[in-house]
Amino acid sequence: EIMDELVVKFILNCPEEEHENFDRLFFQIEEAFWFYLDFYREQNPSLPKFNLHQFADKVFLACPFLQPYQKTVDEHIQSFINYKTSVPVCGVILIDETLENILLVKGWNSKSWSFPRGKINKNEEEVACAVREGREEVGFDCSQYILKDQFLEGQFNEQLVKLFIAPNIPSSTKFLTQTRKEIAQISWFNIGEIIRKQARGNFWPVKPFLADLQQWV
């Protein structure tokens, strides 16, 4: 019954273009997977704990138009993993009014700090993606601060990352993530201290951008 509800909510009622190929459809399956863990299983821990592969098996079994492809789930999951790494990532570098500190986030099960960022949605503008990620991950609308023509770019494992600069963010701002079990911590860090290795923490996702960022400020 739960799986039927999830199939209706995330698969059958998703935009028609998401049904065009399995890679796009798996984004919906992944959304359903996190919803299952965050809501259904959190309220009822006795429910089965699936990984994404096991969950996808259940979805294919419960969804009428996916049932004929039940035996090819492995193939589609691997294709989805490859596809995800090819989708460009956009984010935002939030800098305080002194231009000395940057706002970073630490993922729920992560040991490293990074800029608010995420994969761009289909037909989404890059700046819109950066603003959305900032709003979702730290609960702040940076649309009035973001510089649409000022950004830093990098490449990680063939994935393009584009970070737009948003300076003069009030350091007194209260940040609160709008996500569930995605962001564990939000904090300001001094750029110079990270470069000089005086800041405590793992900053490998941030360090490739710091030299260019320091030049910018």
N, C-alpha and C. Protein backbone atom coordinates (compact mmCIF):
# COMPACT_ATOMS: atom_id res chain seq x y z
N GLU A 1 0.83 -1.21 0.00
CA GLU A 1 0.00 0.00 0.00
C GLU A 1 0.87 1.26 0.00
N ILE A 2 1.92 1.27 0.83
CA ILE A 2 2.82 2.42 0.87
C ILE A 2 3.50 2.61 -0.48
N MET A 3 3.96 1.51 -1.06
CA MET A 3 4.64 1.60 -2.35
C MET A 3 3.69 2.10 -3.43
N ASP A 4 2.44 1.68 -3.36
CA ASP A 4 1.44 2.16 -4.33
C ASP A 4 1.27 3.68 -4.20
N GLU A 5 1.22 4.17 -2.96
CA GLU A 5 1.08 5.61 -2.73
C GLU A 5 2.28 6.37 -3.30
N LEU A 6 3.47 5.83 -3.08
CA LEU A 6 4.68 6.50 -3.57
C LEU A 6 4.75 6.50 -5.09
N VAL A 7 4.33 5.41 -5.70
CA VAL A 7 4.32 5.33 -7.16
C VAL A 7 3.38 6.38 -7.74
N VAL A 8 2.20 6.53 -7.15
CA VAL A 8 1.25 7.53 -7.63
C VAL A 8 1.80 8.93 -7.44
N LYS A 9 2.35 9.20 -6.26
CA LYS A 9 2.82 10.55 -5.91
C LYS A 9 4.03 10.98 -6.73
N PHE A 10 5.00 10.07 -6.91
CA PHE A 10 6.27 10.47 -7.52
C PHE A 10 6.46 10.01 -8.96
N ILE A 11 5.80 8.94 -9.36
CA ILE A 11 6.03 8.40 -10.71
C ILE A 11 4.87 8.73 -11.65
N LEU A 12 3.68 8.30 -11.29
CA LEU A 12 2.55 8.48 -12.19
C LEU A 12 2.15 9.95 -12.33
N ASN A 13 2.34 10.74 -11.27
CA ASN A 13 1.93 12.14 -11.32
C ASN A 13 3.06 13.11 -11.63
N CYS A 14 4.23 12.59 -11.96
CA CYS A 14 5.34 13.49 -12.30
C CYS A 14 5.15 14.01 -13.72
N PRO A 15 5.82 15.11 -14.10
CA PRO A 15 5.67 15.66 -15.45
C PRO A 15 5.94 14.60 -16.52
N GLU A 16 5.18 14.67 -17.59
CA GLU A 16 5.24 13.66 -18.64
C GLU A 16 6.64 13.51 -19.23
N GLU A 17 7.39 14.63 -19.31
CA GLU A 17 8.73 14.56 -19.90
C GLU A 17 9.69 13.72 -19.07
N GLU A 18 9.38 13.54 -17.77
CA GLU A 18 10.24 12.72 -16.92
C GLU A 18 10.11 11.24 -17.27
N HIS A 19 9.08 10.88 -18.03
CA HIS A 19 8.89 9.49 -18.45
C HIS A 19 9.63 9.18 -19.74
N GLU A 20 10.28 10.18 -20.31
CA GLU A 20 10.89 10.00 -21.63
C GLU A 20 12.07 9.05 -21.62
N ASN A 21 12.83 9.02 -20.51
CA ASN A 21 13.93 8.06 -20.42
C ASN A 21 14.14 7.66 -18.96
N PHE A 22 14.80 6.53 -18.78
CA PHE A 22 14.96 5.98 -17.43
C PHE A 22 15.86 6.84 -16.55
N ASP A 23 16.83 7.51 -17.14
CA ASP A 23 17.72 8.34 -16.33
C ASP A 23 16.94 9.45 -15.64
N ARG A 24 16.07 10.13 -16.38
CA ARG A 24 15.24 11.18 -15.77
C ARG A 24 14.25 10.58 -14.78
N LEU A 25 13.69 9.44 -15.13
CA LEU A 25 12.70 8.81 -14.27
C LEU A 25 13.31 8.39 -12.93
N PHE A 26 14.59 8.02 -12.96
CA PHE A 26 15.23 7.58 -11.72
C PHE A 26 15.42 8.73 -10.73
N PHE A 27 15.43 9.96 -11.20
CA PHE A 27 15.44 11.08 -10.26
C PHE A 27 14.16 11.06 -9.43
N GLN A 28 13.04 10.72 -10.08
CA GLN A 28 11.76 10.63 -9.36
C GLN A 28 11.77 9.45 -8.39
N ILE A 29 12.35 8.34 -8.83
CA ILE A 29 12.45 7.17 -7.96
C ILE A 29 13.32 7.49 -6.75
N GLU A 30 14.40 8.23 -6.98
CA GLU A 30 15.28 8.62 -5.87
C GLU A 30 14.55 9.55 -4.90
N GLU A 31 13.74 10.48 -5.43
CA GLU A 31 12.94 11.36 -4.57
C GLU A 31 11.98 10.53 -3.71
N ALA A 32 11.34 9.55 -4.34
CA ALA A 32 10.41 8.67 -3.61
C ALA A 32 11.15 7.89 -2.53
N PHE A 33 12.37 7.47 -2.84
CA PHE A 33 13.20 6.72 -1.89
C PHE A 33 13.48 7.55 -0.64
N TRP A 34 13.90 8.81 -0.84
CA TRP A 34 14.19 9.66 0.31
C TRP A 34 12.92 9.99 1.10
N PHE A 35 11.82 10.15 0.39
CA PHE A 35 10.54 10.42 1.06
C PHE A 35 10.15 9.23 1.94
N TYR A 36 10.36 8.04 1.41
CA TYR A 36 10.07 6.82 2.18
C TYR A 36 10.90 6.78 3.47
N LEU A 37 12.20 7.08 3.36
CA LEU A 37 13.08 7.04 4.54
C LEU A 37 12.75 8.16 5.52
N ASP A 38 12.51 9.37 4.98
CA ASP A 38 12.34 10.54 5.84
C ASP A 38 10.98 10.60 6.54
N PHE A 39 9.96 10.04 5.90
CA PHE A 39 8.62 10.17 6.47
C PHE A 39 8.04 8.82 6.91
N TYR A 40 7.87 7.92 5.97
CA TYR A 40 7.23 6.65 6.33
C TYR A 40 8.05 5.87 7.35
N ARG A 41 9.34 5.69 7.07
CA ARG A 41 10.14 4.84 7.95
C ARG A 41 10.49 5.54 9.26
N GLU A 42 10.61 6.86 9.21
CA GLU A 42 10.91 7.59 10.45
C GLU A 42 9.74 7.48 11.42
N GLN A 43 8.52 7.50 10.88
CA GLN A 43 7.34 7.38 11.73
C GLN A 43 7.08 5.94 12.15
N ASN A 44 7.56 5.00 11.33
CA ASN A 44 7.35 3.59 11.63
C ASN A 44 8.64 2.80 11.35
N PRO A 45 9.57 2.78 12.32
CA PRO A 45 10.88 2.14 12.12
C PRO A 45 10.81 0.64 11.83
N SER A 46 9.65 0.03 12.04
CA SER A 46 9.53 -1.40 11.76
C SER A 46 9.42 -1.69 10.26
N LEU A 47 9.20 -0.64 9.46
CA LEU A 47 9.15 -0.83 8.01
C LEU A 47 10.52 -1.24 7.49
N PRO A 48 10.58 -1.97 6.38
CA PRO A 48 11.88 -2.43 5.84
C PRO A 48 12.81 -1.26 5.52
N LYS A 49 14.10 -1.46 5.77
CA LYS A 49 15.10 -0.46 5.40
C LYS A 49 15.74 -0.89 4.09
N PHE A 50 15.42 -0.16 3.02
CA PHE A 50 15.93 -0.49 1.69
C PHE A 50 17.13 0.38 1.34
N ASN A 51 18.01 -0.12 0.46
CA ASN A 51 18.91 0.77 -0.25
C ASN A 51 18.20 1.17 -1.55
N LEU A 52 18.81 2.05 -2.32
CA LEU A 52 18.14 2.55 -3.52
C LEU A 52 17.82 1.43 -4.51
N HIS A 53 18.75 0.49 -4.65
CA HIS A 53 18.54 -0.61 -5.59
C HIS A 53 17.33 -1.45 -5.18
N GLN A 54 17.25 -1.80 -3.90
CA GLN A 54 16.12 -2.61 -3.42
C GLN A 54 14.81 -1.84 -3.56
N PHE A 55 14.88 -0.54 -3.28
CA PHE A 55 13.67 0.28 -3.39
C PHE A 55 13.21 0.36 -4.84
N ALA A 56 14.16 0.52 -5.77
CA ALA A 56 13.81 0.59 -7.19
C ALA A 56 13.14 -0.71 -7.64
N ASP A 57 13.62 -1.84 -7.14
CA ASP A 57 12.99 -3.12 -7.46
C ASP A 57 11.51 -3.10 -7.09
N LYS A 58 11.22 -2.57 -5.89
CA LYS A 58 9.84 -2.51 -5.41
C LYS A 58 9.00 -1.57 -6.28
N VAL A 59 9.60 -0.45 -6.68
CA VAL A 59 8.88 0.52 -7.52
C VAL A 59 8.54 -0.10 -8.87
N PHE A 60 9.50 -0.76 -9.49
CA PHE A 60 9.27 -1.38 -10.79
C PHE A 60 8.16 -2.44 -10.69
N LEU A 61 8.11 -3.12 -9.56
CA LEU A 61 7.10 -4.15 -9.36
C LEU A 61 5.71 -3.54 -9.16
N ALA A 62 5.67 -2.36 -8.50
CA ALA A 62 4.39 -1.74 -8.16
C ALA A 62 3.83 -0.85 -9.26
N CYS A 63 4.69 -0.43 -10.18
CA CYS A 63 4.27 0.51 -11.22
C CYS A 63 3.94 -0.24 -12.51
N PRO A 64 2.70 -0.16 -12.98
CA PRO A 64 2.28 -0.95 -14.14
C PRO A 64 3.16 -0.77 -15.38
N PHE A 65 3.52 0.48 -15.73
CA PHE A 65 4.27 0.66 -16.97
C PHE A 65 5.76 0.33 -16.81
N LEU A 66 6.21 0.08 -15.56
CA LEU A 66 7.61 -0.31 -15.35
C LEU A 66 7.77 -1.82 -15.18
N GLN A 67 6.68 -2.51 -14.92
CA GLN A 67 6.76 -3.96 -14.67
C GLN A 67 7.45 -4.74 -15.79
N PRO A 68 7.24 -4.41 -17.06
CA PRO A 68 7.92 -5.17 -18.12
C PRO A 68 9.45 -5.03 -18.09
N TYR A 69 9.95 -4.02 -17.37
CA TYR A 69 11.40 -3.78 -17.33
C TYR A 69 12.03 -4.25 -16.01
N GLN A 70 11.29 -5.05 -15.26
CA GLN A 70 11.74 -5.48 -13.93
C GLN A 70 13.13 -6.12 -13.95
N LYS A 71 13.42 -6.89 -14.98
CA LYS A 71 14.70 -7.62 -15.03
C LYS A 71 15.88 -6.74 -15.42
N THR A 72 15.60 -5.49 -15.79
CA THR A 72 16.70 -4.61 -16.23
C THR A 72 16.99 -3.50 -15.22
N VAL A 73 16.53 -3.66 -13.98
CA VAL A 73 16.74 -2.63 -12.96
C VAL A 73 18.23 -2.35 -12.76
N ASP A 74 19.05 -3.40 -12.68
CA ASP A 74 20.50 -3.22 -12.47
C ASP A 74 21.10 -2.32 -13.55
N GLU A 75 20.74 -2.61 -14.76
CA GLU A 75 21.27 -1.85 -15.90
C GLU A 75 20.86 -0.38 -15.82
N HIS A 76 19.61 -0.12 -15.46
CA HIS A 76 19.12 1.25 -15.40
C HIS A 76 19.71 2.03 -14.22
N ILE A 77 19.96 1.34 -13.11
CA ILE A 77 20.57 2.01 -11.96
C ILE A 77 22.00 2.44 -12.30
N GLN A 78 22.76 1.57 -12.95
CA GLN A 78 24.12 1.93 -13.33
C GLN A 78 24.13 3.09 -14.32
N SER A 79 23.19 3.07 -15.25
CA SER A 79 23.07 4.16 -16.21
C SER A 79 22.73 5.46 -15.50
N PHE A 80 21.87 5.38 -14.49
CA PHE A 80 21.47 6.57 -13.72
C PHE A 80 22.66 7.15 -12.96
N ILE A 81 23.46 6.28 -12.36
CA ILE A 81 24.65 6.73 -11.62
C ILE A 81 25.60 7.47 -12.56
N ASN A 82 25.80 6.92 -13.75
CA ASN A 82 26.66 7.57 -14.74
C ASN A 82 26.07 8.90 -15.19
N TYR A 83 24.76 8.91 -15.37
CA TYR A 83 24.07 10.12 -15.83
C TYR A 83 24.17 11.23 -14.78
N LYS A 84 24.03 10.87 -13.51
CA LYS A 84 24.07 11.88 -12.44
C LYS A 84 25.40 12.63 -12.43
N THR A 85 26.48 11.90 -12.69
CA THR A 85 27.79 12.56 -12.67
C THR A 85 28.00 13.46 -13.88
N SER A 86 27.14 13.33 -14.89
CA SER A 86 27.27 14.18 -16.08
C SER A 86 26.41 15.44 -15.99
N VAL A 87 25.50 15.49 -15.01
CA VAL A 87 24.62 16.65 -14.86
C VAL A 87 25.38 17.78 -14.19
N PRO A 88 25.45 18.96 -14.79
CA PRO A 88 26.19 20.08 -14.19
C PRO A 88 25.64 20.46 -12.82
N VAL A 89 26.54 20.95 -11.98
CA VAL A 89 26.18 21.39 -10.63
C VAL A 89 26.35 22.90 -10.54
N CYS A 90 25.38 23.57 -9.94
CA CYS A 90 25.49 25.01 -9.69
C CYS A 90 25.31 25.28 -8.21
N GLY A 91 25.97 26.32 -7.75
CA GLY A 91 25.86 26.66 -6.33
C GLY A 91 26.17 28.12 -6.11
N VAL A 92 26.26 28.49 -4.84
CA VAL A 92 26.46 29.90 -4.51
C VAL A 92 27.53 30.03 -3.43
N ILE A 93 28.40 31.02 -3.62
CA ILE A 93 29.42 31.36 -2.63
C ILE A 93 28.90 32.58 -1.86
N LEU A 94 28.39 32.35 -0.68
CA LEU A 94 27.85 33.42 0.16
C LEU A 94 28.99 34.01 0.99
N ILE A 95 29.25 35.31 0.80
CA ILE A 95 30.36 35.99 1.47
C ILE A 95 29.79 37.10 2.36
N ASP A 96 30.33 37.23 3.55
CA ASP A 96 29.79 38.24 4.46
C ASP A 96 30.22 39.64 4.07
N GLU A 97 29.77 40.64 4.82
CA GLU A 97 30.00 42.03 4.45
C GLU A 97 31.47 42.46 4.58
N THR A 98 32.28 41.69 5.32
CA THR A 98 33.71 42.01 5.42
C THR A 98 34.49 41.44 4.24
N LEU A 99 33.85 40.58 3.46
CA LEU A 99 34.48 39.84 2.35
C LEU A 99 35.62 38.94 2.83
N GLU A 100 35.54 38.53 4.09
CA GLU A 100 36.58 37.66 4.66
C GLU A 100 36.06 36.27 5.01
N ASN A 101 34.74 36.13 5.11
CA ASN A 101 34.16 34.86 5.56
C ASN A 101 33.16 34.31 4.54
N ILE A 102 33.16 33.00 4.40
CA ILE A 102 32.24 32.33 3.49
C ILE A 102 31.35 31.37 4.28
N LEU A 103 30.13 31.20 3.80
CA LEU A 103 29.18 30.31 4.46
C LEU A 103 29.28 28.92 3.84
N LEU A 104 29.51 27.92 4.67
CA LEU A 104 29.65 26.55 4.19
C LEU A 104 28.65 25.63 4.88
N VAL A 105 28.39 24.51 4.24
CA VAL A 105 27.47 23.52 4.79
C VAL A 105 28.16 22.17 4.89
N LYS A 106 27.73 21.39 5.87
CA LYS A 106 28.22 20.02 6.01
C LYS A 106 27.04 19.08 5.83
N GLY A 107 27.19 18.11 4.94
CA GLY A 107 26.11 17.16 4.66
C GLY A 107 25.80 16.28 5.85
N TRP A 108 24.63 15.65 5.80
CA TRP A 108 24.12 14.86 6.92
C TRP A 108 25.08 13.75 7.34
N ASN A 109 25.61 13.02 6.37
CA ASN A 109 26.54 11.93 6.68
C ASN A 109 27.93 12.22 6.14
N SER A 110 28.26 13.50 6.05
CA SER A 110 29.54 13.89 5.47
C SER A 110 30.50 14.41 6.54
N LYS A 111 31.79 14.30 6.25
CA LYS A 111 32.81 14.85 7.15
C LYS A 111 33.42 16.13 6.59
N SER A 112 32.98 16.53 5.39
CA SER A 112 33.59 17.68 4.73
C SER A 112 32.60 18.83 4.59
N TRP A 113 33.15 20.04 4.48
CA TRP A 113 32.37 21.25 4.29
C TRP A 113 32.38 21.64 2.81
N SER A 114 31.29 22.21 2.34
CA SER A 114 31.23 22.63 0.94
C SER A 114 30.31 23.84 0.81
N PHE A 115 30.31 24.43 -0.38
CA PHE A 115 29.38 25.52 -0.67
C PHE A 115 27.99 24.93 -0.91
N PRO A 116 26.92 25.68 -0.63
CA PRO A 116 25.58 25.22 -1.02
C PRO A 116 25.53 25.03 -2.54
N ARG A 117 25.20 23.85 -2.97
CA ARG A 117 25.20 23.56 -4.41
C ARG A 117 24.41 22.30 -4.68
N GLY A 118 24.06 22.09 -5.95
CA GLY A 118 23.32 20.90 -6.32
C GLY A 118 23.14 20.81 -7.82
N LYS A 119 22.62 19.69 -8.26
CA LYS A 119 22.45 19.45 -9.69
C LYS A 119 21.37 20.36 -10.27
N ILE A 120 21.63 20.82 -11.47
CA ILE A 120 20.68 21.69 -12.15
C ILE A 120 19.52 20.86 -12.68
N ASN A 121 18.31 21.38 -12.53
CA ASN A 121 17.13 20.70 -13.04
C ASN A 121 16.99 20.91 -14.55
N LYS A 122 16.23 20.06 -15.17
CA LYS A 122 16.00 20.18 -16.60
C LYS A 122 15.36 21.53 -16.92
N ASN A 123 15.92 22.24 -17.90
CA ASN A 123 15.43 23.55 -18.35
C ASN A 123 15.57 24.66 -17.30
N GLU A 124 16.35 24.42 -16.26
CA GLU A 124 16.55 25.42 -15.21
C GLU A 124 17.74 26.31 -15.56
N GLU A 125 17.59 27.61 -15.35
CA GLU A 125 18.71 28.53 -15.55
C GLU A 125 19.76 28.31 -14.46
N GLU A 126 21.02 28.53 -14.81
CA GLU A 126 22.11 28.27 -13.86
C GLU A 126 21.98 29.12 -12.60
N VAL A 127 21.71 30.41 -12.78
CA VAL A 127 21.57 31.29 -11.61
C VAL A 127 20.38 30.87 -10.76
N ALA A 128 19.29 30.48 -11.41
CA ALA A 128 18.11 30.04 -10.68
C ALA A 128 18.42 28.80 -9.84
N CYS A 129 19.24 27.91 -10.39
CA CYS A 129 19.66 26.72 -9.65
C CYS A 129 20.47 27.11 -8.42
N ALA A 130 21.40 28.05 -8.59
CA ALA A 130 22.24 28.50 -7.47
C ALA A 130 21.39 29.12 -6.37
N VAL A 131 20.43 29.96 -6.75
CA VAL A 131 19.54 30.60 -5.78
C VAL A 131 18.70 29.55 -5.06
N ARG A 132 18.18 28.60 -5.82
CA ARG A 132 17.34 27.53 -5.23
C ARG A 132 18.13 26.71 -4.23
N GLU A 133 19.36 26.35 -4.59
CA GLU A 133 20.18 25.54 -3.68
C GLU A 133 20.48 26.30 -2.39
N GLY A 134 20.74 27.61 -2.52
CA GLY A 134 20.97 28.41 -1.33
C GLY A 134 19.74 28.45 -0.44
N ARG A 135 18.58 28.61 -1.07
CA ARG A 135 17.32 28.67 -0.31
C ARG A 135 17.05 27.33 0.38
N GLU A 136 17.27 26.24 -0.34
CA GLU A 136 16.98 24.92 0.23
C GLU A 136 17.97 24.53 1.32
N GLU A 137 19.25 24.77 1.08
CA GLU A 137 20.27 24.24 1.99
C GLU A 137 20.51 25.11 3.22
N VAL A 138 20.38 26.44 3.08
CA VAL A 138 20.63 27.30 4.25
C VAL A 138 19.45 28.19 4.59
N GLY A 139 18.35 28.09 3.82
CA GLY A 139 17.15 28.86 4.14
C GLY A 139 17.28 30.35 3.89
N PHE A 140 18.11 30.73 2.91
CA PHE A 140 18.33 32.15 2.64
C PHE A 140 18.12 32.44 1.16
N ASP A 141 17.34 33.48 0.86
CA ASP A 141 17.11 33.89 -0.52
C ASP A 141 18.18 34.90 -0.92
N CYS A 142 19.13 34.45 -1.73
CA CYS A 142 20.26 35.30 -2.11
C CYS A 142 20.04 36.00 -3.44
N SER A 143 18.81 35.98 -3.95
CA SER A 143 18.55 36.52 -5.29
C SER A 143 18.89 38.01 -5.41
N GLN A 144 18.84 38.75 -4.29
CA GLN A 144 19.15 40.18 -4.33
C GLN A 144 20.66 40.44 -4.19
N TYR A 145 21.41 39.40 -3.88
CA TYR A 145 22.85 39.56 -3.66
C TYR A 145 23.70 38.90 -4.75
N ILE A 146 23.17 37.88 -5.38
CA ILE A 146 23.97 37.08 -6.31
C ILE A 146 24.37 37.89 -7.54
N LEU A 147 25.61 37.74 -7.96
CA LEU A 147 26.15 38.44 -9.13
C LEU A 147 26.11 37.47 -10.31
N LYS A 148 25.19 37.73 -11.23
CA LYS A 148 24.92 36.77 -12.30
C LYS A 148 26.10 36.59 -13.26
N ASP A 149 26.99 37.57 -13.32
CA ASP A 149 28.12 37.47 -14.24
C ASP A 149 29.44 37.22 -13.51
N GLN A 150 29.37 36.92 -12.22
CA GLN A 150 30.56 36.66 -11.42
C GLN A 150 30.48 35.24 -10.85
N PHE A 151 31.33 34.37 -11.33
CA PHE A 151 31.26 32.98 -10.89
C PHE A 151 32.63 32.31 -11.01
N LEU A 152 32.79 31.20 -10.32
CA LEU A 152 33.99 30.38 -10.40
C LEU A 152 33.57 29.01 -10.91
N GLU A 153 34.45 28.39 -11.70
CA GLU A 153 34.13 27.08 -12.27
C GLU A 153 35.22 26.07 -11.95
N GLY A 154 34.81 24.83 -11.83
CA GLY A 154 35.76 23.74 -11.61
C GLY A 154 35.17 22.45 -12.14
N GLN A 155 35.98 21.42 -12.20
CA GLN A 155 35.51 20.13 -12.69
C GLN A 155 35.96 19.04 -11.73
N PHE A 156 35.01 18.20 -11.32
CA PHE A 156 35.29 17.11 -10.40
C PHE A 156 34.77 15.81 -11.02
N ASN A 157 35.69 14.89 -11.30
CA ASN A 157 35.30 13.61 -11.90
C ASN A 157 34.39 13.81 -13.11
N GLU A 158 34.79 14.71 -13.99
CA GLU A 158 34.08 15.00 -15.23
C GLU A 158 32.75 15.75 -15.02
N GLN A 159 32.49 16.17 -13.79
CA GLN A 159 31.26 16.93 -13.51
C GLN A 159 31.60 18.41 -13.37
N LEU A 160 30.93 19.24 -14.18
CA LEU A 160 31.18 20.67 -14.15
C LEU A 160 30.47 21.30 -12.95
N VAL A 161 31.21 22.11 -12.19
CA VAL A 161 30.66 22.81 -11.03
C VAL A 161 30.82 24.31 -11.26
N LYS A 162 29.71 25.04 -11.16
CA LYS A 162 29.72 26.49 -11.38
C LYS A 162 29.14 27.16 -10.14
N LEU A 163 29.95 28.02 -9.51
CA LEU A 163 29.55 28.67 -8.26
C LEU A 163 29.45 30.18 -8.46
N PHE A 164 28.26 30.72 -8.26
CA PHE A 164 28.03 32.16 -8.40
C PHE A 164 28.36 32.87 -7.08
N ILE A 165 28.92 34.06 -7.20
CA ILE A 165 29.35 34.81 -6.03
C ILE A 165 28.22 35.73 -5.54
N ALA A 166 27.98 35.70 -4.24
CA ALA A 166 26.96 36.55 -3.62
C ALA A 166 27.59 37.23 -2.40
N PRO A 167 28.12 38.45 -2.56
CA PRO A 167 28.81 39.13 -1.45
C PRO A 167 27.86 39.94 -0.58
N ASN A 168 28.42 40.42 0.53
CA ASN A 168 27.73 41.35 1.45
C ASN A 168 26.51 40.74 2.13
N ILE A 169 26.57 39.44 2.39
CA ILE A 169 25.50 38.79 3.15
C ILE A 169 25.66 39.19 4.63
N PRO A 170 24.63 39.72 5.26
CA PRO A 170 24.75 40.10 6.68
C PRO A 170 25.16 38.91 7.55
N SER A 171 26.24 39.08 8.29
CA SER A 171 26.74 37.97 9.12
C SER A 171 25.79 37.64 10.26
N SER A 172 24.86 38.55 10.54
CA SER A 172 23.90 38.31 11.62
C SER A 172 22.71 37.45 11.17
N THR A 173 22.68 37.10 9.88
CA THR A 173 21.57 36.32 9.33
C THR A 173 21.46 34.97 10.05
N LYS A 174 20.23 34.59 10.36
CA LYS A 174 19.98 33.28 10.96
C LYS A 174 19.68 32.29 9.84
N PHE A 175 20.52 31.30 9.71
CA PHE A 175 20.36 30.32 8.64
C PHE A 175 19.73 29.04 9.18
N LEU A 176 18.82 28.48 8.40
CA LEU A 176 18.16 27.24 8.80
C LEU A 176 17.82 26.45 7.54
N THR A 177 18.39 25.26 7.44
CA THR A 177 18.15 24.46 6.24
C THR A 177 16.68 24.13 6.07
N GLN A 178 16.25 24.06 4.83
CA GLN A 178 14.87 23.68 4.51
C GLN A 178 14.79 22.22 4.08
N THR A 179 15.89 21.51 4.20
CA THR A 179 15.94 20.10 3.79
C THR A 179 15.76 19.19 5.00
N ARG A 180 15.51 17.93 4.72
CA ARG A 180 15.43 16.92 5.77
C ARG A 180 16.58 15.93 5.58
N LYS A 181 17.39 15.78 6.62
CA LYS A 181 18.49 14.82 6.62
C LYS A 181 19.42 14.99 5.42
N GLU A 182 19.64 16.24 5.04
CA GLU A 182 20.59 16.53 3.95
C GLU A 182 21.72 17.41 4.46
N ILE A 183 21.38 18.45 5.23
CA ILE A 183 22.37 19.37 5.77
C ILE A 183 22.41 19.24 7.30
N ALA A 184 23.60 18.94 7.82
CA ALA A 184 23.74 18.75 9.27
C ALA A 184 24.20 20.03 9.97
N GLN A 185 25.06 20.81 9.30
CA GLN A 185 25.60 22.02 9.92
C GLN A 185 25.76 23.13 8.89
N ILE A 186 25.63 24.38 9.37
CA ILE A 186 25.84 25.58 8.55
C ILE A 186 26.73 26.50 9.37
N SER A 187 27.80 27.01 8.76
CA SER A 187 28.71 27.85 9.55
C SER A 187 29.53 28.78 8.66
N TRP A 188 29.89 29.95 9.22
CA TRP A 188 30.82 30.86 8.56
C TRP A 188 32.25 30.38 8.81
N PHE A 189 33.11 30.54 7.78
CA PHE A 189 34.53 30.23 7.92
C PHE A 189 35.35 31.34 7.29
N ASN A 190 36.48 31.65 7.91
CA ASN A 190 37.38 32.66 7.38
C ASN A 190 38.19 32.08 6.22
N ILE A 191 38.18 32.78 5.09
CA ILE A 191 38.86 32.28 3.88
C ILE A 191 40.35 32.06 4.15
N GLY A 192 40.99 33.06 4.75
CA GLY A 192 42.42 32.97 5.01
C GLY A 192 42.77 31.81 5.93
N GLU A 193 41.94 31.57 6.93
CA GLU A 193 42.21 30.48 7.87
C GLU A 193 42.11 29.12 7.19
N ILE A 194 41.17 28.99 6.25
CA ILE A 194 41.08 27.72 5.51
C ILE A 194 42.34 27.52 4.67
N ILE A 195 42.76 28.57 3.98
CA ILE A 195 43.95 28.48 3.13
C ILE A 195 45.19 28.17 3.96
N ARG A 196 45.30 28.79 5.14
CA ARG A 196 46.47 28.57 6.00
C ARG A 196 46.33 27.32 6.87
N LYS A 197 45.24 26.58 6.65
CA LYS A 197 44.97 25.34 7.39
C LYS A 197 44.81 25.57 8.89
N GLN A 198 44.31 26.76 9.23
CA GLN A 198 44.07 27.07 10.64
C GLN A 198 42.63 26.75 11.05
N ALA A 199 41.76 26.62 10.06
CA ALA A 199 40.36 26.30 10.36
C ALA A 199 40.22 24.80 10.60
N ARG A 200 39.37 24.44 11.55
CA ARG A 200 39.18 23.03 11.88
C ARG A 200 38.12 22.43 10.97
N GLY A 201 38.47 21.34 10.29
CA GLY A 201 37.50 20.69 9.43
C GLY A 201 38.12 20.22 8.13
N ASN A 202 37.33 19.49 7.37
CA ASN A 202 37.76 18.97 6.07
C ASN A 202 37.13 19.85 4.98
N PHE A 203 37.96 20.49 4.18
CA PHE A 203 37.46 21.48 3.21
C PHE A 203 37.83 21.13 1.77
N TRP A 204 38.04 19.84 1.48
CA TRP A 204 38.51 19.50 0.13
C TRP A 204 37.55 19.94 -0.98
N PRO A 205 36.20 19.96 -0.79
CA PRO A 205 35.35 20.43 -1.89
C PRO A 205 35.46 21.93 -2.14
N VAL A 206 36.02 22.66 -1.16
CA VAL A 206 36.09 24.12 -1.24
C VAL A 206 37.44 24.61 -1.75
N LYS A 207 38.50 23.91 -1.36
CA LYS A 207 39.87 24.38 -1.61
C LYS A 207 40.20 24.69 -3.07
N PRO A 208 39.70 23.91 -4.05
CA PRO A 208 40.05 24.23 -5.45
C PRO A 208 39.59 25.62 -5.91
N PHE A 209 38.64 26.22 -5.18
CA PHE A 209 38.09 27.52 -5.59
C PHE A 209 38.70 28.69 -4.80
N LEU A 210 39.46 28.40 -3.74
CA LEU A 210 39.85 29.46 -2.82
C LEU A 210 40.86 30.44 -3.39
N ALA A 211 41.79 29.97 -4.21
CA ALA A 211 42.79 30.89 -4.77
C ALA A 211 42.11 31.94 -5.64
N ASP A 212 41.21 31.49 -6.52
CA ASP A 212 40.48 32.43 -7.39
C ASP A 212 39.55 33.32 -6.56
N LEU A 213 38.95 32.75 -5.52
CA LEU A 213 38.05 33.53 -4.68
C LEU A 213 38.81 34.61 -3.93
N GLN A 214 39.99 34.27 -3.44
CA GLN A 214 40.79 35.26 -2.72
C GLN A 214 41.20 36.40 -3.64
N GLN A 215 41.48 36.08 -4.90
CA GLN A 215 41.80 37.13 -5.88
C GLN A 215 40.59 38.02 -6.11
N TRP A 216 39.40 37.40 -6.15
CA TRP A 216 38.18 38.16 -6.41
C TRP A 216 37.90 39.16 -5.29
N VAL A 217 38.06 38.71 -4.04
CA VAL A 217 37.75 39.61 -2.93
C VAL A 217 38.83 40.67 -2.75
